[in-house]
Amino acid sequence: MARDNTDKFVHTKRHFGSDDPNIFKKGVYPYEYVKGPEILTETCLPPRDKFYSELNEEEISKENYDRALETWRRYECKTIKDYHDHYLTLDMTFFADVFENFREMGLREYNLDAAHS
């Protein structure tokens, strides 16, 4: 959706505004590093090597880590929990936007509403 333009990101723009181009990109998260709630109280973004993905067997790119740092600063994260909550909220607004666009396409093309059975 973002390749075309950002007009269809209604929920994301309503929640985050539209002055941050990073909100239209998939966020990055240190899944393997966050192993328990005690990690969420840490007061800085973990170093780049903590974003290593065992699933993909690869490190986060410097570009993506810089974007994570910019997100931390822009949204004034004080703890990893703040970053965590931002990441989840962004993920859910993306989901809402994708579903709404899927629903509109289904109604337009097939006269079917994905929100009703």
Protein backbone atom coordinates (compact mmCIF):
# COMPACT_ATOMS: atom_id res chain seq x y z
CA MET A 1 0.00 0.00 0.00
CA ALA A 2 2.77 2.49 0.84
CA ARG A 3 4.46 2.10 -2.55
CA ASP A 4 1.60 3.93 -4.21
CA ASN A 5 0.94 6.65 -1.65
CA THR A 6 -0.03 7.03 1.97
CA ASP A 7 -3.66 8.06 1.42
CA LYS A 8 -4.97 4.63 2.38
CA PHE A 9 -3.23 4.63 5.78
CA VAL A 10 -6.21 6.29 7.44
CA HIS A 11 -5.86 4.71 10.90
CA THR A 12 -2.07 5.02 10.96
CA LYS A 13 -2.15 8.70 10.00
CA ARG A 14 -4.96 9.41 12.46
CA HIS A 15 -2.91 7.96 15.31
CA PHE A 16 0.63 9.05 14.35
CA GLY A 17 0.14 11.98 11.95
CA SER A 18 1.80 12.00 8.56
CA ASP A 19 5.00 13.99 9.12
CA ASP A 20 7.12 10.90 9.92
CA PRO A 21 7.92 8.84 6.80
CA ASN A 22 9.12 5.98 9.04
CA ILE A 23 5.58 5.19 10.19
CA PHE A 24 4.83 3.85 6.72
CA LYS A 25 7.61 1.24 7.01
CA LYS A 26 7.58 -2.00 8.97
CA GLY A 27 9.11 -1.42 12.37
CA VAL A 28 12.01 -3.42 13.78
CA TYR A 29 11.97 -5.19 17.12
CA PRO A 30 14.56 -7.14 19.14
CA TYR A 31 12.39 -10.26 19.53
CA GLU A 32 15.09 -12.59 20.85
CA TYR A 33 16.44 -9.95 23.24
CA VAL A 34 13.12 -9.28 24.97
CA LYS A 35 12.81 -12.51 26.95
CA GLY A 36 10.85 -11.20 29.92
CA PRO A 37 9.15 -8.17 31.46
CA GLU A 38 12.32 -7.04 33.27
CA ILE A 39 13.87 -6.10 29.91
CA LEU A 40 11.02 -3.62 29.30
CA THR A 41 12.32 -1.38 32.10
CA GLU A 42 15.69 -0.77 30.40
CA THR A 43 16.16 2.88 29.50
CA CYS A 44 17.87 2.74 26.12
CA LEU A 45 17.45 0.95 22.84
CA PRO A 46 19.53 -2.24 22.84
CA PRO A 47 22.67 -2.29 20.69
CA ARG A 48 22.36 -3.36 17.07
CA ASP A 49 23.62 -6.91 17.71
CA LYS A 50 20.63 -7.52 20.04
CA PHE A 51 18.32 -7.23 17.01
CA TYR A 52 19.80 -10.41 15.52
CA SER A 53 17.05 -12.66 14.17
CA GLU A 54 17.53 -16.35 14.87
CA LEU A 55 14.56 -17.09 12.62
CA ASN A 56 16.14 -15.37 9.59
CA GLU A 57 19.71 -15.91 10.80
CA GLU A 58 20.65 -12.32 10.05
CA GLU A 59 21.49 -9.04 11.68
CA ILE A 60 19.43 -5.92 11.39
CA SER A 61 20.74 -3.54 8.72
CA LYS A 62 22.42 -0.30 9.78
CA GLU A 63 19.62 1.57 7.99
CA ASN A 64 16.93 -0.25 9.99
CA TYR A 65 18.82 0.23 13.27
CA ASP A 66 19.19 3.96 12.55
CA ARG A 67 15.44 4.05 11.89
CA ALA A 68 14.82 2.35 15.25
CA LEU A 69 17.01 4.97 16.96
CA GLU A 70 15.12 7.76 15.19
CA THR A 71 11.81 6.22 16.30
CA TRP A 72 13.10 6.03 19.90
CA ARG A 73 14.02 9.73 19.80
CA ARG A 74 11.03 11.04 17.84
CA TYR A 75 8.46 9.31 20.06
CA GLU A 76 10.40 10.13 23.24
CA CYS A 77 10.75 6.54 24.41
CA LYS A 78 12.09 6.37 27.95
CA THR A 79 12.08 2.58 28.27
CA ILE A 80 11.99 -0.44 26.01
CA LYS A 81 8.32 -0.76 27.05
CA ASP A 82 7.65 2.61 25.40
CA TYR A 83 9.35 1.38 22.20
CA HIS A 84 7.48 -1.95 22.51
CA ASP A 85 4.10 -0.20 22.84
CA HIS A 86 4.88 2.08 19.87
CA TYR A 87 5.85 -0.95 17.77
CA LEU A 88 2.64 -2.82 18.64
CA THR A 89 0.42 0.20 18.09
CA LEU A 90 1.99 0.82 14.68
CA ASP A 91 1.53 -2.86 13.80
CA MET A 92 -2.15 -2.72 14.76
CA THR A 93 -2.86 0.51 12.86
CA PHE A 94 -1.22 -1.10 9.80
CA PHE A 95 -3.45 -4.13 10.26
CA ALA A 96 -6.56 -1.95 10.53
CA ASP A 97 -5.59 -0.06 7.36
CA VAL A 98 -4.90 -3.24 5.40
CA PHE A 99 -8.16 -4.82 6.52
CA GLU A 100 -10.20 -1.73 5.68
CA ASN A 101 -8.64 -1.59 2.21
CA PHE A 102 -9.24 -5.32 1.71
CA ARG A 103 -12.84 -4.84 2.81
CA GLU A 104 -13.36 -1.93 0.39
CA MET A 105 -11.87 -3.97 -2.48
CA GLY A 106 -14.12 -6.93 -1.68
CA LEU A 107 -17.19 -4.72 -1.65
CA ARG A 108 -16.21 -2.95 -4.86
CA GLU A 109 -15.10 -6.00 -6.85
CA TYR A 110 -17.31 -8.81 -5.50
CA ASN A 111 -20.06 -7.12 -3.50
CA LEU A 112 -18.84 -9.09 -0.46
CA ASP A 113 -18.18 -7.61 2.97
CA ALA A 114 -15.29 -9.25 4.80
CA ALA A 115 -16.59 -7.81 8.08
CA HIS A 116 -19.83 -9.80 7.88
CA SER A 117 -20.47 -13.49 7.42
